[in-house]
């Protein structure tokens, strides 16, 4: 499959199909499904975060919770929940150590 804009609709349809399959599996087997994706740069953004999640609205509408993970200073990680039906937007910090995840 090509990556140009002329194939955007086809790629979005395939992505939507896979998201629907994952949601069906989650519902049938009562399991959580975690999907990760890349971020892309928006070179025209001068203020704020110039990165945005790849996948656009197809991924956004297919997810119940959306969490942005990023690196902080000194081995600290930051998790920001920014799309949730039950929780307000919020950030928490944590570290991954030999003992596991430490908050």
PDB file of N, CA and C in Angstrom:
ATOM      1  N   UNK A   1       0.846  -1.176   0.000  1.00  0.00           N
ATOM      2  CA  UNK A   1       0.000   0.000   0.000  1.00  0.00           C
ATOM      3  C   UNK A   1       0.892   1.239   0.000  1.00  0.00           C
ATOM      4  N   UNK A   2       0.556   2.181  -0.840  1.00  0.00           N
ATOM      5  CA  UNK A   2       1.320   3.425  -0.919  1.00  0.00           C
ATOM      6  C   UNK A   2       0.976   4.338   0.249  1.00  0.00           C
ATOM      7  N   UNK A   3       1.891   5.274   0.509  1.00  0.00           N
ATOM      8  CA  UNK A   3       1.706   6.161   1.639  1.00  0.00           C
ATOM      9  C   UNK A   3       1.282   7.567   1.251  1.00  0.00           C
ATOM     10  N   UNK A   4       1.047   7.830  -0.004  1.00  0.00           N
ATOM     11  CA  UNK A   4       0.682   9.176  -0.433  1.00  0.00           C
ATOM     12  C   UNK A   4      -0.734   9.556  -0.047  1.00  0.00           C
ATOM     13  N   UNK A   5      -1.034  10.853  -0.153  1.00  0.00           N
ATOM     14  CA  UNK A   5      -2.367  11.359   0.179  1.00  0.00           C
ATOM     15  C   UNK A   5      -3.459  10.740  -0.685  1.00  0.00           C
ATOM     16  N   UNK A   6      -3.118  10.349  -1.908  1.00  0.00           N
ATOM     17  CA  UNK A   6      -4.129   9.783  -2.798  1.00  0.00           C
ATOM     18  C   UNK A   6      -4.691   8.463  -2.267  1.00  0.00           C
ATOM     19  N   UNK A   7      -3.997   7.835  -1.338  1.00  0.00           N
ATOM     20  CA  UNK A   7      -4.457   6.569  -0.760  1.00  0.00           C
ATOM     21  C   UNK A   7      -4.950   6.730   0.681  1.00  0.00           C
ATOM     22  N   UNK A   8      -5.164   7.957   1.121  1.00  0.00           N
ATOM     23  CA  UNK A   8      -5.554   8.211   2.502  1.00  0.00           C
ATOM     24  C   UNK A   8      -6.871   7.523   2.862  1.00  0.00           C
ATOM     25  N   UNK A   9      -7.884   7.632   2.021  1.00  0.00           N
ATOM     26  CA  UNK A   9      -9.191   7.040   2.325  1.00  0.00           C
ATOM     27  C   UNK A   9      -9.080   5.522   2.478  1.00  0.00           C
ATOM     28  N   UNK A  10      -8.342   4.892   1.601  1.00  0.00           N
ATOM     29  CA  UNK A  10      -8.157   3.435   1.680  1.00  0.00           C
ATOM     30  C   UNK A  10      -7.437   3.048   2.975  1.00  0.00           C
ATOM     31  N   UNK A  11      -6.398   3.794   3.338  1.00  0.00           N
ATOM     32  CA  UNK A  11      -5.665   3.497   4.579  1.00  0.00           C
ATOM     33  C   UNK A  11      -6.562   3.693   5.795  1.00  0.00           C
ATOM     34  N   UNK A  12      -7.363   4.751   5.788  1.00  0.00           N
ATOM     35  CA  UNK A  12      -8.263   4.998   6.913  1.00  0.00           C
ATOM     36  C   UNK A  12      -9.313   3.900   7.032  1.00  0.00           C
ATOM     37  N   UNK A  13      -9.827   3.416   5.917  1.00  0.00           N
ATOM     38  CA  UNK A  13     -10.806   2.326   5.952  1.00  0.00           C
ATOM     39  C   UNK A  13     -10.194   1.060   6.539  1.00  0.00           C
ATOM     40  N   UNK A  14      -8.966   0.747   6.131  1.00  0.00           N
ATOM     41  CA  UNK A  14      -8.299  -0.441   6.667  1.00  0.00           C
ATOM     42  C   UNK A  14      -8.017  -0.289   8.158  1.00  0.00           C
ATOM     43  N   UNK A  15      -7.573   0.890   8.557  1.00  0.00           N
ATOM     44  CA  UNK A  15      -7.303   1.159   9.965  1.00  0.00           C
ATOM     45  C   UNK A  15      -8.595   1.043  10.776  1.00  0.00           C
ATOM     46  N   UNK A  16      -9.676   1.606  10.274  1.00  0.00           N
ATOM     47  CA  UNK A  16     -10.968   1.530  10.946  1.00  0.00           C
ATOM     48  C   UNK A  16     -11.431   0.074  11.073  1.00  0.00           C
ATOM     49  N   UNK A  17     -11.205  -0.724  10.048  1.00  0.00           N
ATOM     50  CA  UNK A  17     -11.569  -2.146  10.087  1.00  0.00           C
ATOM     51  C   UNK A  17     -10.807  -2.865  11.196  1.00  0.00           C
ATOM     52  N   UNK A  18      -9.507  -2.600  11.309  1.00  0.00           N
ATOM     53  CA  UNK A  18      -8.696  -3.255  12.346  1.00  0.00           C
ATOM     54  C   UNK A  18      -9.117  -2.797  13.745  1.00  0.00           C
ATOM     55  N   UNK A  19      -9.405  -1.522  13.908  1.00  0.00           N
ATOM     56  CA  UNK A  19      -9.871  -1.008  15.203  1.00  0.00           C
ATOM     57  C   UNK A  19     -11.188  -1.680  15.580  1.00  0.00           C
ATOM     58  N   UNK A  20     -12.107  -1.813  14.623  1.00  0.00           N
ATOM     59  CA  UNK A  20     -13.395  -2.470  14.883  1.00  0.00           C
ATOM     60  C   UNK A  20     -13.186  -3.931  15.296  1.00  0.00           C
ATOM     61  N   UNK A  21     -12.241  -4.612  14.660  1.00  0.00           N
ATOM     62  CA  UNK A  21     -11.930  -6.000  15.040  1.00  0.00           C
ATOM     63  C   UNK A  21     -11.420  -6.069  16.474  1.00  0.00           C
ATOM     64  N   UNK A  22     -10.532  -5.161  16.839  1.00  0.00           N
ATOM     65  CA  UNK A  22      -9.990  -5.153  18.200  1.00  0.00           C
ATOM     66  C   UNK A  22     -11.080  -4.866  19.231  1.00  0.00           C
ATOM     67  N   UNK A  23     -11.969  -3.931  18.925  1.00  0.00           N
ATOM     68  CA  UNK A  23     -13.070  -3.626  19.835  1.00  0.00           C
ATOM     69  C   UNK A  23     -13.997  -4.833  20.001  1.00  0.00           C
ATOM     70  N   UNK A  24     -14.230  -5.568  18.930  1.00  0.00           N
ATOM     71  CA  UNK A  24     -15.060  -6.770  18.989  1.00  0.00           C
ATOM     72  C   UNK A  24     -14.406  -7.834  19.861  1.00  0.00           C
ATOM     73  N   UNK A  25     -13.107  -8.039  19.699  1.00  0.00           N
ATOM     74  CA  UNK A  25     -12.370  -9.005  20.518  1.00  0.00           C
ATOM     75  C   UNK A  25     -12.433  -8.606  21.988  1.00  0.00           C
ATOM     76  N   UNK A  26     -12.243  -7.326  22.269  1.00  0.00           N
ATOM     77  CA  UNK A  26     -12.300  -6.843  23.651  1.00  0.00           C
ATOM     78  C   UNK A  26     -13.668  -7.115  24.258  1.00  0.00           C
ATOM     79  N   UNK A  27     -14.717  -6.885  23.487  1.00  0.00           N
ATOM     80  CA  UNK A  27     -16.075  -7.092  23.979  1.00  0.00           C
ATOM     81  C   UNK A  27     -16.388  -8.579  24.179  1.00  0.00           C
ATOM     82  N   UNK A  28     -16.046  -9.404  23.225  1.00  0.00           N
ATOM     83  CA  UNK A  28     -16.345 -10.843  23.298  1.00  0.00           C
ATOM     84  C   UNK A  28     -15.618 -11.515  24.458  1.00  0.00           C
ATOM     85  N   UNK A  29     -14.335 -11.200  24.611  1.00  0.00           N
ATOM     86  CA  UNK A  29     -13.511 -11.876  25.613  1.00  0.00           C
ATOM     87  C   UNK A  29     -13.333 -11.079  26.904  1.00  0.00           C
ATOM     88  N   UNK A  30     -13.975  -9.918  26.993  1.00  0.00           N
ATOM     89  CA  UNK A  30     -13.894  -9.073  28.182  1.00  0.00           C
ATOM     90  C   UNK A  30     -12.435  -8.798  28.574  1.00  0.00           C
ATOM     91  N   UNK A  31     -11.666  -8.329  27.610  1.00  0.00           N
ATOM     92  CA  UNK A  31     -10.255  -8.017  27.829  1.00  0.00           C
ATOM     93  C   UNK A  31      -9.978  -6.577  27.407  1.00  0.00           C
ATOM     94  N   UNK A  32      -8.922  -6.046  27.951  1.00  0.00           N
ATOM     95  CA  UNK A  32      -8.465  -4.719  27.542  1.00  0.00           C
ATOM     96  C   UNK A  32      -7.570  -4.873  26.316  1.00  0.00           C
ATOM     97  N   UNK A  33      -7.708  -3.980  25.394  1.00  0.00           N
ATOM     98  CA  UNK A  33      -6.852  -3.948  24.206  1.00  0.00           C
ATOM     99  C   UNK A  33      -6.076  -2.645  24.250  1.00  0.00           C
ATOM    100  N   UNK A  34      -4.767  -2.738  24.134  1.00  0.00           N
ATOM    101  CA  UNK A  34      -3.910  -1.555  24.139  1.00  0.00           C
ATOM    102  C   UNK A  34      -3.334  -1.378  22.742  1.00  0.00           C
ATOM    103  N   UNK A  35      -3.528  -0.211  22.194  1.00  0.00           N
ATOM    104  CA  UNK A  35      -3.010   0.116  20.872  1.00  0.00           C
ATOM    105  C   UNK A  35      -2.029   1.265  21.038  1.00  0.00           C
ATOM    106  N   UNK A  36      -0.859   1.139  20.476  1.00  0.00           N
ATOM    107  CA  UNK A  36       0.108   2.231  20.500  1.00  0.00           C
ATOM    108  C   UNK A  36       0.250   2.785  19.090  1.00  0.00           C
ATOM    109  N   UNK A  37       0.598   4.030  19.017  1.00  0.00           N
ATOM    110  CA  UNK A  37       0.880   4.600  17.708  1.00  0.00           C
ATOM    111  C   UNK A  37       1.950   5.674  17.825  1.00  0.00           C
ATOM    112  N   UNK A  38       2.432   6.078  16.695  1.00  0.00           N
ATOM    113  CA  UNK A  38       3.487   7.081  16.642  1.00  0.00           C
ATOM    114  C   UNK A  38       2.894   8.480  16.740  1.00  0.00           C
ATOM    115  N   UNK A  39       3.765   9.440  16.901  1.00  0.00           N
ATOM    116  CA  UNK A  39       3.374  10.840  16.799  1.00  0.00           C
ATOM    117  C   UNK A  39       4.045  11.426  15.570  1.00  0.00           C
ATOM    118  N   UNK A  40       3.425  12.451  15.036  1.00  0.00           N
ATOM    119  CA  UNK A  40       3.989  13.117  13.863  1.00  0.00           C
ATOM    120  C   UNK A  40       4.156  14.598  14.169  1.00  0.00           C
ATOM    121  N   UNK A  41       5.134  15.198  13.536  1.00  0.00           N
ATOM    122  CA  UNK A  41       5.427  16.618  13.753  1.00  0.00           C
ATOM    123  C   UNK A  41       4.531  17.472  12.875  1.00  0.00           C
ATOM    124  N   UNK A  42       4.114  18.598  13.438  1.00  0.00           N
ATOM    125  CA  UNK A  42       3.382  19.618  12.688  1.00  0.00           C
ATOM    126  C   UNK A  42       4.301  20.832  12.592  1.00  0.00           C
ATOM    127  N   UNK A  43       5.038  20.974  11.517  1.00  0.00           N
ATOM    128  CA  UNK A  43       6.035  22.047  11.434  1.00  0.00           C
ATOM    129  C   UNK A  43       5.440  23.446  11.460  1.00  0.00           C
ATOM    130  N   UNK A  44       4.135  23.580  11.229  1.00  0.00           N
ATOM    131  CA  UNK A  44       3.510  24.906  11.217  1.00  0.00           C
ATOM    132  C   UNK A  44       3.047  25.367  12.600  1.00  0.00           C
ATOM    133  N   UNK A  45       3.269  24.552  13.653  1.00  0.00           N
ATOM    134  CA  UNK A  45       2.871  24.926  15.013  1.00  0.00           C
ATOM    135  C   UNK A  45       4.021  25.683  15.677  1.00  0.00           C
ATOM    136  N   UNK A  46       3.754  26.912  16.079  1.00  0.00           N
ATOM    137  CA  UNK A  46       4.792  27.744  16.687  1.00  0.00           C
ATOM    138  C   UNK A  46       4.700  27.776  18.203  1.00  0.00           C
ATOM    139  N   UNK A  47       3.498  27.568  18.758  1.00  0.00           N
ATOM    140  CA  UNK A  47       3.295  27.576  20.203  1.00  0.00           C
ATOM    141  C   UNK A  47       2.660  26.260  20.609  1.00  0.00           C
ATOM    142  N   UNK A  48       3.038  25.763  21.765  1.00  0.00           N
ATOM    143  CA  UNK A  48       2.490  24.501  22.237  1.00  0.00           C
ATOM    144  C   UNK A  48       3.253  23.313  21.676  1.00  0.00           C
ATOM    145  N   UNK A  49       2.664  22.167  21.806  1.00  0.00           N
ATOM    146  CA  UNK A  49       3.297  20.921  21.392  1.00  0.00           C
ATOM    147  C   UNK A  49       3.177  20.744  19.876  1.00  0.00           C
ATOM    148  N   UNK A  50       4.289  20.650  19.155  1.00  0.00           N
ATOM    149  CA  UNK A  50       4.220  20.484  17.705  1.00  0.00           C
ATOM    150  C   UNK A  50       3.962  19.028  17.273  1.00  0.00           C
ATOM    151  N   UNK A  51       3.799  18.136  18.235  1.00  0.00           N
ATOM    152  CA  UNK A  51       3.541  16.734  17.916  1.00  0.00           C
ATOM    153  C   UNK A  51       2.062  16.421  18.042  1.00  0.00           C
ATOM    154  N   UNK A  52       1.587  15.506  17.200  1.00  0.00           N
ATOM    155  CA  UNK A  52       0.210  15.039  17.328  1.00  0.00           C
ATOM    156  C   UNK A  52       0.196  13.542  17.039  1.00  0.00           C
ATOM    157  N   UNK A  53      -0.772  12.829  17.615  1.00  0.00           N
ATOM    158  CA  UNK A  53      -0.840  11.383  17.378  1.00  0.00           C
ATOM    159  C   UNK A  53      -1.120  11.085  15.908  1.00  0.00           C
ATOM    160  N   UNK A  54      -0.457  10.075  15.384  1.00  0.00           N
ATOM    161  CA  UNK A  54      -0.732   9.627  14.018  1.00  0.00           C
ATOM    162  C   UNK A  54      -2.060   8.877  14.021  1.00  0.00           C
ATOM    163  N   UNK A  55      -2.663   8.727  12.882  1.00  0.00           N
ATOM    164  CA  UNK A  55      -3.902   7.962  12.781  1.00  0.00           C
ATOM    165  C   UNK A  55      -5.146   8.813  12.746  1.00  0.00           C
ATOM    166  N   UNK A  56      -5.024  10.055  13.153  1.00  0.00           N
ATOM    167  CA  UNK A  56      -6.143  10.983  13.065  1.00  0.00           C
ATOM    168  C   UNK A  56      -7.384  10.544  13.809  1.00  0.00           C
ATOM    169  N   UNK A  57      -8.531  10.913  13.266  1.00  0.00           N
ATOM    170  CA  UNK A  57      -9.809  10.651  13.919  1.00  0.00           C
ATOM    171  C   UNK A  57     -10.165   9.179  13.979  1.00  0.00           C
ATOM    172  N   UNK A  58      -9.646   8.372  13.072  1.00  0.00           N
ATOM    173  CA  UNK A  58      -9.952   6.936  13.091  1.00  0.00           C
ATOM    174  C   UNK A  58      -9.483   6.325  14.399  1.00  0.00           C
ATOM    175  N   UNK A  59      -8.256   6.607  14.788  1.00  0.00           N
ATOM    176  CA  UNK A  59      -7.727   6.089  16.054  1.00  0.00           C
ATOM    177  C   UNK A  59      -8.419   6.792  17.227  1.00  0.00           C
ATOM    178  N   UNK A  60      -8.576   8.087  17.142  1.00  0.00           N
ATOM    179  CA  UNK A  60      -9.165   8.858  18.245  1.00  0.00           C
ATOM    180  C   UNK A  60     -10.567   8.362  18.584  1.00  0.00           C
ATOM    181  N   UNK A  61     -11.391   8.124  17.586  1.00  0.00           N
ATOM    182  CA  UNK A  61     -12.766   7.702  17.845  1.00  0.00           C
ATOM    183  C   UNK A  61     -12.865   6.226  18.202  1.00  0.00           C
ATOM    184  N   UNK A  62     -11.855   5.459  17.863  1.00  0.00           N
ATOM    185  CA  UNK A  62     -11.861   4.033  18.179  1.00  0.00           C
ATOM    186  C   UNK A  62     -11.373   3.725  19.580  1.00  0.00           C
ATOM    187  N   UNK A  63     -10.808   4.714  20.264  1.00  0.00           N
ATOM    188  CA  UNK A  63     -10.251   4.494  21.604  1.00  0.00           C
ATOM    189  C   UNK A  63     -11.183   5.058  22.670  1.00  0.00           C
ATOM    190  N   UNK A  64     -11.310   4.321  23.771  1.00  0.00           N
ATOM    191  CA  UNK A  64     -12.093   4.821  24.899  1.00  0.00           C
ATOM    192  C   UNK A  64     -11.243   5.760  25.741  1.00  0.00           C
ATOM    193  N   UNK A  65     -10.010   5.367  25.986  1.00  0.00           N
ATOM    194  CA  UNK A  65      -9.067   6.194  26.748  1.00  0.00           C
ATOM    195  C   UNK A  65      -7.867   6.473  25.860  1.00  0.00           C
ATOM    196  N   UNK A  66      -7.389   7.704  25.907  1.00  0.00           N
ATOM    197  CA  UNK A  66      -6.168   8.045  25.183  1.00  0.00           C
ATOM    198  C   UNK A  66      -5.170   8.608  26.179  1.00  0.00           C
ATOM    199  N   UNK A  67      -3.976   8.012  26.179  1.00  0.00           N
ATOM    200  CA  UNK A  67      -2.925   8.397  27.116  1.00  0.00           C
ATOM    201  C   UNK A  67      -1.668   8.713  26.314  1.00  0.00           C
ATOM    202  N   UNK A  68      -1.068   9.849  26.608  1.00  0.00           N
ATOM    203  CA  UNK A  68       0.166  10.278  25.945  1.00  0.00           C
ATOM    204  C   UNK A  68       1.309   9.990  26.903  1.00  0.00           C
ATOM    205  N   UNK A  69       2.258   9.168  26.494  1.00  0.00           N
ATOM    206  CA  UNK A  69       3.434   8.854  27.312  1.00  0.00           C
ATOM    207  C   UNK A  69       4.632   9.596  26.753  1.00  0.00           C
ATOM    208  N   UNK A  70       5.425  10.195  27.651  1.00  0.00           N
ATOM    209  CA  UNK A  70       6.640  10.869  27.191  1.00  0.00           C
ATOM    210  C   UNK A  70       7.705  10.805  28.278  1.00  0.00           C
ATOM    211  N   UNK A  71       8.931  11.038  27.861  1.00  0.00           N
ATOM    212  CA  UNK A  71      10.050  11.036  28.794  1.00  0.00           C
ATOM    213  C   UNK A  71      10.179  12.399  29.450  1.00  0.00           C
ATOM    214  N   UNK A  72      10.488  12.380  30.753  1.00  0.00           N
ATOM    215  CA  UNK A  72      10.812  13.597  31.478  1.00  0.00           C
ATOM    216  C   UNK A  72      12.305  13.589  31.773  1.00  0.00           C
ATOM    217  N   UNK A  73      12.703  14.353  32.767  1.00  0.00           N
ATOM    218  CA  UNK A  73      14.116  14.413  33.146  1.00  0.00           C
ATOM    219  C   UNK A  73      14.443  13.309  34.142  1.00  0.00           C
ATOM    220  N   UNK A  74      15.691  12.916  34.154  1.00  0.00           N
ATOM    221  CA  UNK A  74      16.230  11.981  35.134  1.00  0.00           C
ATOM    222  C   UNK A  74      15.418  10.700  35.265  1.00  0.00           C
ATOM    223  N   UNK A  75      15.171  10.031  34.148  1.00  0.00           N
ATOM    224  CA  UNK A  75      14.497   8.741  34.124  1.00  0.00           C
ATOM    225  C   UNK A  75      13.038   8.802  34.593  1.00  0.00           C
ATOM    226  N   UNK A  76      12.444   9.974  34.583  1.00  0.00           N
ATOM    227  CA  UNK A  76      11.033  10.124  34.932  1.00  0.00           C
ATOM    228  C   UNK A  76      10.222  10.045  33.641  1.00  0.00           C
ATOM    229  N   UNK A  77       9.091   9.370  33.716  1.00  0.00           N
ATOM    230  CA  UNK A  77       8.156   9.290  32.594  1.00  0.00           C
ATOM    231  C   UNK A  77       6.889  10.036  32.992  1.00  0.00           C
ATOM    232  N   UNK A  78       6.186  10.550  32.006  1.00  0.00           N
ATOM    233  CA  UNK A  78       4.963  11.305  32.247  1.00  0.00           C
ATOM    234  C   UNK A  78       3.844  10.665  31.435  1.00  0.00           C
ATOM    235  N   UNK A  79       2.741  10.376  32.100  1.00  0.00           N
ATOM    236  CA  UNK A  79       1.548   9.855  31.434  1.00  0.00           C
ATOM    237  C   UNK A  79       0.456  10.902  31.550  1.00  0.00           C
ATOM    238  N   UNK A  80      -0.083  11.315  30.418  1.00  0.00           N
ATOM    239  CA  UNK A  80      -1.150  12.319  30.420  1.00  0.00           C
ATOM    240  C   UNK A  80      -2.395  11.700  29.796  1.00  0.00           C
ATOM    241  N   UNK A  81      -3.452  11.597  30.592  1.00  0.00           N
ATOM    242  CA  UNK A  81      -4.714  11.133  30.044  1.00  0.00           C
ATOM    243  C   UNK A  81      -5.397  12.356  29.443  1.00  0.00           C
ATOM    244  N   UNK A  82      -5.716  12.290  28.154  1.00  0.00           N
ATOM    245  CA  UNK A  82      -6.283  13.481  27.525  1.00  0.00           C
ATOM    246  C   UNK A  82      -7.601  13.204  26.820  1.00  0.00           C
ATOM    247  N   UNK A  83      -8.066  11.981  26.887  1.00  0.00           N
ATOM    248  CA  UNK A  83      -9.372  11.682  26.314  1.00  0.00           C
ATOM    249  C   UNK A  83      -9.943  10.503  27.084  1.00  0.00           C
ATOM    250  N   UNK A  84     -10.975  10.754  27.863  1.00  0.00           N
ATOM    251  CA  UNK A  84     -11.577   9.726  28.704  1.00  0.00           C
ATOM    252  C   UNK A  84     -13.032  10.084  28.964  1.00  0.00           C
ATOM    253  N   UNK A  85     -13.913   9.093  28.940  1.00  0.00           N
ATOM    254  CA  UNK A  85     -15.308   9.389  29.253  1.00  0.00           C
ATOM    255  C   UNK A  85     -15.555   9.604  30.745  1.00  0.00           C
ATOM    256  N   UNK A  86     -14.610   9.226  31.601  1.00  0.00           N
ATOM    257  CA  UNK A  86     -14.828   9.275  33.044  1.00  0.00           C
ATOM    258  C   UNK A  86     -13.825  10.117  33.824  1.00  0.00           C
ATOM    259  N   UNK A  87     -12.700  10.468  33.229  1.00  0.00           N
ATOM    260  CA  UNK A  87     -11.644  11.148  33.973  1.00  0.00           C
ATOM    261  C   UNK A  87     -11.269  12.470  33.307  1.00  0.00           C
ATOM    262  N   UNK A  88     -10.976  13.490  34.117  1.00  0.00           N
ATOM    263  CA  UNK A  88     -10.528  14.760  33.535  1.00  0.00           C
ATOM    264  C   UNK A  88      -9.092  14.631  33.016  1.00  0.00           C
ATOM    265  N   UNK A  89      -8.699  15.558  32.178  1.00  0.00           N
ATOM    266  CA  UNK A  89      -7.319  15.578  31.690  1.00  0.00           C
ATOM    267  C   UNK A  89      -6.384  15.764  32.877  1.00  0.00           C
ATOM    268  N   UNK A  90      -5.344  14.938  32.933  1.00  0.00           N
ATOM    269  CA  UNK A  90      -4.438  14.968  34.076  1.00  0.00           C
ATOM    270  C   UNK A  90      -3.121  14.308  33.710  1.00  0.00           C
ATOM    271  N   UNK A  91      -2.049  14.727  34.388  1.00  0.00           N
ATOM    272  CA  UNK A  91      -0.733  14.123  34.201  1.00  0.00           C
ATOM    273  C   UNK A  91      -0.259  13.491  35.496  1.00  0.00           C
ATOM    274  N   UNK A  92       0.439  12.378  35.371  1.00  0.00           N
ATOM    275  CA  UNK A  92       1.102  11.750  36.515  1.00  0.00           C
ATOM    276  C   UNK A  92       2.513  11.372  36.080  1.00  0.00           C
ATOM    277  N   UNK A  93       3.419  11.316  37.055  1.00  0.00           N
ATOM    278  CA  UNK A  93       4.788  10.920  36.747  1.00  0.00           C
ATOM    279  C   UNK A  93       5.065   9.560  37.374  1.00  0.00           C
ATOM    280  N   UNK A  94       5.984   8.839  36.766  1.00  0.00           N
ATOM    281  CA  UNK A  94       6.397   7.538  37.274  1.00  0.00           C
ATOM    282  C   UNK A  94       7.788   7.231  36.748  1.00  0.00           C
ATOM    283  N   UNK A  95       8.413   6.232  37.345  1.00  0.00           N
ATOM    284  CA  UNK A  95       9.715   5.759  36.890  1.00  0.00           C
ATOM    285  C   UNK A  95       9.651   4.262  36.683  1.00  0.00           C
ATOM    286  N   UNK A  96      10.437   3.771  35.751  1.00  0.00           N
ATOM    287  CA  UNK A  96      10.568   2.335  35.545  1.00  0.00           C
ATOM    288  C   UNK A  96      11.929   1.939  36.093  1.00  0.00           C
ATOM    289  N   UNK A  97      11.908   1.126  37.142  1.00  0.00           N
ATOM    290  CA  UNK A  97      13.143   0.738  37.824  1.00  0.00           C
ATOM    291  C   UNK A  97      13.292  -0.778  37.790  1.00  0.00           C
ATOM    292  N   UNK A  98      14.355  -1.278  38.383  1.00  0.00           N
ATOM    293  CA  UNK A  98      14.567  -2.727  38.483  1.00  0.00           C
ATOM    294  C   UNK A  98      13.459  -3.384  39.306  1.00  0.00           C
ATOM    295  N   UNK A  99      12.846  -2.604  40.198  1.00  0.00           N
ATOM    296  CA  UNK A  99      11.762  -3.128  41.046  1.00  0.00           C
ATOM    297  C   UNK A  99      10.409  -3.074  40.331  1.00  0.00           C
ATOM    298  N   UNK A 100      10.345  -2.400  39.210  1.00  0.00           N
ATOM    299  CA  UNK A 100       9.096  -2.253  38.469  1.00  0.00           C
ATOM    300  C   UNK A 100       8.730  -0.806  38.287  1.00  0.00           C
ATOM    301  N   UNK A 101       7.440  -0.531  38.137  1.00  0.00           N
ATOM    302  CA  UNK A 101       6.935   0.826  37.960  1.00  0.00           C
ATOM    303  C   UNK A 101       6.777   1.467  39.335  1.00  0.00           C
ATOM    304  N   UNK A 102       7.390   2.633  39.514  1.00  0.00           N
ATOM    305  CA  UNK A 102       7.366   3.346  40.802  1.00  0.00           C
ATOM    306  C   UNK A 102       6.769   4.734  40.571  1.00  0.00           C
ATOM    307  N   UNK A 103       5.769   5.090  41.385  1.00  0.00           N
ATOM    308  CA  UNK A 103       5.207   6.435  41.236  1.00  0.00           C
ATOM    309  C   UNK A 103       5.571   7.336  42.398  1.00  0.00           C
TER     310      UNK A 103
END
